[in-house]
């Protein structure tokens, strides 16, 4: 079974950039038919998709004019990362990294245990 562990700061100040890392074990993240992504769950709310990790290099998008989401993989460390700019208190949540493994007949989701991030001054 794929194992994932999130790491990063538990506290971020408003307007700062959040950086999280997901360390994957038991499988090489470059293995075909393995896909990686980030999610979060604010207190009392449902799970939200944040971004997926590209097959190589990094990618970024701006869900709003003030926010930038960047994801990347570091194959030398078997990790993938997330950066969220312009953090606000509304971004306080449990952050999860996840992996999807596809075979001819199955689709298996694996999740990290999550890391709590609080945005506060």
Protein backbone atom coordinates (compact mmCIF):
# COMPACT_ATOMS: atom_id res chain seq x y z
CA UNK A 1 0.00 0.00 0.00
CA UNK A 2 1.23 3.46 -0.85
CA UNK A 3 2.12 5.51 2.22
CA UNK A 4 2.03 9.30 2.25
CA UNK A 5 3.09 11.71 4.97
CA UNK A 6 2.44 15.45 4.93
CA UNK A 7 4.80 17.95 6.52
CA UNK A 8 4.89 21.70 6.88
CA UNK A 9 4.23 24.58 9.26
CA UNK A 10 1.23 24.33 11.49
CA UNK A 11 0.83 28.09 11.67
CA UNK A 12 0.98 30.63 8.89
CA UNK A 13 0.38 34.36 9.07
CA UNK A 14 -2.11 36.07 6.76
CA UNK A 15 -0.66 37.07 3.38
CA UNK A 16 2.20 34.57 3.73
CA UNK A 17 2.79 31.62 1.41
CA UNK A 18 2.11 28.12 2.70
CA UNK A 19 4.53 25.39 1.67
CA UNK A 20 3.74 21.72 2.27
CA UNK A 21 5.59 18.56 1.36
CA UNK A 22 4.27 15.05 0.88
CA UNK A 23 6.75 12.21 1.26
CA UNK A 24 5.78 9.01 -0.51
CA UNK A 25 7.07 5.59 0.43
CA UNK A 26 6.61 2.06 -0.94
CA UNK A 27 6.35 3.32 -4.52
CA UNK A 28 8.35 5.58 -6.80
CA UNK A 29 6.27 8.68 -7.57
CA UNK A 30 7.30 8.44 -11.22
CA UNK A 31 5.74 5.00 -11.58
CA UNK A 32 3.18 4.89 -14.36
CA UNK A 33 -0.50 5.03 -13.47
CA UNK A 34 0.15 6.73 -10.14
CA UNK A 35 -1.30 10.19 -9.77
CA UNK A 36 -0.85 12.68 -6.95
CA UNK A 37 -2.86 15.58 -5.59
CA UNK A 38 -3.58 17.88 -2.67
CA UNK A 39 -6.85 18.38 -0.80
CA UNK A 40 -7.98 20.24 2.26
CA UNK A 41 -10.89 20.21 4.66
CA UNK A 42 -11.80 23.38 6.53
CA UNK A 43 -13.36 22.93 9.97
CA UNK A 44 -16.97 21.84 9.65
CA UNK A 45 -16.83 21.69 5.85
CA UNK A 46 -16.30 19.11 3.15
CA UNK A 47 -13.17 18.01 1.36
CA UNK A 48 -11.85 20.38 -1.32
CA UNK A 49 -9.49 19.60 -4.17
CA UNK A 50 -6.60 22.07 -4.29
CA UNK A 51 -4.41 20.89 -7.12
CA UNK A 52 -2.91 17.93 -8.91
CA UNK A 53 0.78 17.25 -9.42
CA UNK A 54 2.01 17.33 -13.00
CA UNK A 55 3.80 14.33 -14.55
CA UNK A 56 7.03 16.30 -14.53
CA UNK A 57 8.30 19.66 -13.36
CA UNK A 58 5.77 21.98 -11.77
CA UNK A 59 2.51 23.66 -12.54
CA UNK A 60 0.63 26.64 -11.21
CA UNK A 61 -2.74 28.26 -11.55
CA UNK A 62 -4.54 31.21 -10.04
CA UNK A 63 -7.99 30.32 -8.70
CA UNK A 64 -8.51 33.98 -7.89
CA UNK A 65 -6.65 37.20 -8.69
CA UNK A 66 -4.83 37.16 -5.36
CA UNK A 67 -4.15 33.47 -4.99
CA UNK A 68 -1.64 31.22 -6.69
CA UNK A 69 -1.49 27.45 -6.35
CA UNK A 70 1.73 25.70 -7.32
CA UNK A 71 2.43 21.99 -7.27
CA UNK A 72 5.59 20.16 -8.15
CA UNK A 73 7.37 16.88 -7.70
CA UNK A 74 10.90 16.25 -6.43
CA UNK A 75 11.83 12.88 -7.80
CA UNK A 76 15.21 12.85 -6.06
CA UNK A 77 13.42 12.75 -2.71
CA UNK A 78 10.26 10.93 -3.81
CA UNK A 79 8.21 13.89 -2.67
CA UNK A 80 5.72 16.33 -4.09
CA UNK A 81 4.96 19.82 -2.88
CA UNK A 82 2.26 22.45 -2.62
CA UNK A 83 2.55 26.20 -2.38
CA UNK A 84 -0.42 28.48 -1.70
CA UNK A 85 0.13 32.21 -1.83
CA UNK A 86 -1.69 35.01 -0.01
CA UNK A 87 -3.03 32.84 2.78
CA UNK A 88 -6.09 34.10 4.68
CA UNK A 89 -7.83 32.78 7.83
CA UNK A 90 -10.40 31.14 5.55
CA UNK A 91 -7.63 28.79 4.40
CA UNK A 92 -7.36 27.28 7.87
CA UNK A 93 -7.90 23.58 7.30
CA UNK A 94 -6.59 20.04 7.51
CA UNK A 95 -4.41 19.53 4.45
CA UNK A 96 -4.05 16.10 2.85
CA UNK A 97 -1.91 14.66 0.13
CA UNK A 98 -3.32 11.79 -1.84
CA UNK A 99 -2.37 9.24 -4.44
CA UNK A 100 -4.47 7.44 -6.99
CA UNK A 101 -3.25 4.12 -8.33
CA UNK A 102 -4.84 2.68 -11.44
CA UNK A 103 -4.68 -0.85 -12.72
CA UNK A 104 -6.64 -2.54 -15.45
CA UNK A 105 -9.41 -3.37 -13.02
CA UNK A 106 -8.98 -1.18 -9.94
CA UNK A 107 -8.65 2.41 -8.81
CA UNK A 108 -7.19 2.81 -5.34
CA UNK A 109 -6.98 6.01 -3.35
CA UNK A 110 -4.34 6.40 -0.68
CA UNK A 111 -4.28 9.32 1.75
CA UNK A 112 -1.88 10.87 4.18
CA UNK A 113 -3.08 11.41 7.73
CA UNK A 114 -3.28 15.14 7.16
CA UNK A 115 -1.57 18.15 8.63
CA UNK A 116 -3.43 20.97 10.33
CA UNK A 117 -2.67 24.47 9.11
CA UNK A 118 -3.93 27.52 11.00
CA UNK A 119 -3.77 30.93 9.41
CA UNK A 120 -3.60 33.57 12.10
CA UNK A 121 -1.62 36.62 13.02
